[in-house]
């Protein structure tokens, strides 16, 4: 069963930022899907377990955003 995990993200201001964050999250092994919301400053990922969180945060930072 997939878990829904919410990660706070700083620096998103538009739909292009959201797309960049989603792409970064979905590039991490174990992440099934991601949905970013710039207004709320969050990304919701669906993953098998919490072990992907550190990798997802690293991917978000590499894409130029904070978390």
C-alpha atoms as a PDB file:
ATOM      1  CA  UNK A   1       0.000   0.000   0.000  1.00  0.00           C
ATOM      2  CA  UNK A   2       1.325   3.430  -0.934  1.00  0.00           C
ATOM      3  CA  UNK A   3       1.824   6.105   1.693  1.00  0.00           C
ATOM      4  CA  UNK A   4       0.977   9.748   1.109  1.00  0.00           C
ATOM      5  CA  UNK A   5       3.830  11.964   2.312  1.00  0.00           C
ATOM      6  CA  UNK A   6       3.740  15.778   2.434  1.00  0.00           C
ATOM      7  CA  UNK A   7       6.981  17.755   2.177  1.00  0.00           C
ATOM      8  CA  UNK A   8       7.208  21.533   2.609  1.00  0.00           C
ATOM      9  CA  UNK A   9       8.951  23.229  -0.323  1.00  0.00           C
ATOM     10  CA  UNK A  10      10.159  26.844  -0.519  1.00  0.00           C
ATOM     11  CA  UNK A  11      10.827  28.832  -3.652  1.00  0.00           C
ATOM     12  CA  UNK A  12       7.902  27.681  -5.802  1.00  0.00           C
ATOM     13  CA  UNK A  13       5.980  30.575  -7.351  1.00  0.00           C
ATOM     14  CA  UNK A  14       4.285  29.247 -10.499  1.00  0.00           C
ATOM     15  CA  UNK A  15       3.169  26.181 -12.427  1.00  0.00           C
ATOM     16  CA  UNK A  16       6.631  25.826 -13.975  1.00  0.00           C
ATOM     17  CA  UNK A  17       8.139  25.601 -10.496  1.00  0.00           C
ATOM     18  CA  UNK A  18       5.555  22.984  -9.572  1.00  0.00           C
ATOM     19  CA  UNK A  19       6.467  20.969 -12.678  1.00  0.00           C
ATOM     20  CA  UNK A  20      10.167  21.129 -11.797  1.00  0.00           C
ATOM     21  CA  UNK A  21       9.504  19.892  -8.262  1.00  0.00           C
ATOM     22  CA  UNK A  22       7.253  17.075  -9.517  1.00  0.00           C
ATOM     23  CA  UNK A  23       9.889  15.997 -12.039  1.00  0.00           C
ATOM     24  CA  UNK A  24      12.576  15.991  -9.338  1.00  0.00           C
ATOM     25  CA  UNK A  25      10.411  13.950  -6.954  1.00  0.00           C
ATOM     26  CA  UNK A  26       9.341  11.427  -9.570  1.00  0.00           C
ATOM     27  CA  UNK A  27      12.975  10.854 -10.557  1.00  0.00           C
ATOM     28  CA  UNK A  28      13.592   9.221  -7.168  1.00  0.00           C
ATOM     29  CA  UNK A  29      13.269   5.430  -7.088  1.00  0.00           C
ATOM     30  CA  UNK A  30      10.309   4.407  -4.963  1.00  0.00           C
ATOM     31  CA  UNK A  31       8.192   7.486  -5.680  1.00  0.00           C
ATOM     32  CA  UNK A  32       5.056   6.512  -7.584  1.00  0.00           C
ATOM     33  CA  UNK A  33       3.656  10.026  -8.099  1.00  0.00           C
ATOM     34  CA  UNK A  34       3.980  13.614  -6.940  1.00  0.00           C
ATOM     35  CA  UNK A  35       1.739  16.684  -6.926  1.00  0.00           C
ATOM     36  CA  UNK A  36       3.124  20.110  -6.067  1.00  0.00           C
ATOM     37  CA  UNK A  37       1.184  23.161  -4.883  1.00  0.00           C
ATOM     38  CA  UNK A  38       3.053  26.470  -5.088  1.00  0.00           C
ATOM     39  CA  UNK A  39       0.420  28.437  -3.153  1.00  0.00           C
ATOM     40  CA  UNK A  40       0.586  26.054  -0.191  1.00  0.00           C
ATOM     41  CA  UNK A  41       4.338  25.465  -0.571  1.00  0.00           C
ATOM     42  CA  UNK A  42       4.056  21.692  -0.455  1.00  0.00           C
ATOM     43  CA  UNK A  43       4.553  18.605  -2.560  1.00  0.00           C
ATOM     44  CA  UNK A  44       2.581  15.445  -1.886  1.00  0.00           C
ATOM     45  CA  UNK A  45       4.247  12.239  -2.928  1.00  0.00           C
ATOM     46  CA  UNK A  46       2.970   8.686  -3.001  1.00  0.00           C
ATOM     47  CA  UNK A  47       5.628   6.142  -2.108  1.00  0.00           C
ATOM     48  CA  UNK A  48       5.888   2.639  -0.708  1.00  0.00           C
ATOM     49  CA  UNK A  49       7.489   3.895   2.521  1.00  0.00           C
ATOM     50  CA  UNK A  50       9.123   6.839   4.301  1.00  0.00           C
ATOM     51  CA  UNK A  51      12.635   5.770   3.322  1.00  0.00           C
ATOM     52  CA  UNK A  52      12.499   7.924   0.171  1.00  0.00           C
ATOM     53  CA  UNK A  53      12.034  11.234   2.009  1.00  0.00           C
ATOM     54  CA  UNK A  54      15.732  12.108   2.309  1.00  0.00           C
ATOM     55  CA  UNK A  55      16.322  11.279  -1.368  1.00  0.00           C
ATOM     56  CA  UNK A  56      13.296  13.326  -2.409  1.00  0.00           C
ATOM     57  CA  UNK A  57      14.473  16.318  -0.373  1.00  0.00           C
ATOM     58  CA  UNK A  58      17.928  16.046  -1.968  1.00  0.00           C
ATOM     59  CA  UNK A  59      16.343  15.962  -5.445  1.00  0.00           C
ATOM     60  CA  UNK A  60      14.202  19.022  -4.630  1.00  0.00           C
ATOM     61  CA  UNK A  61      17.274  20.930  -3.422  1.00  0.00           C
ATOM     62  CA  UNK A  62      19.217  19.887  -6.539  1.00  0.00           C
ATOM     63  CA  UNK A  63      16.360  21.318  -8.639  1.00  0.00           C
ATOM     64  CA  UNK A  64      16.919  24.688  -6.950  1.00  0.00           C
ATOM     65  CA  UNK A  65      14.223  24.736  -4.274  1.00  0.00           C
ATOM     66  CA  UNK A  66      14.321  24.555  -0.502  1.00  0.00           C
ATOM     67  CA  UNK A  67      12.732  22.079   1.877  1.00  0.00           C
END
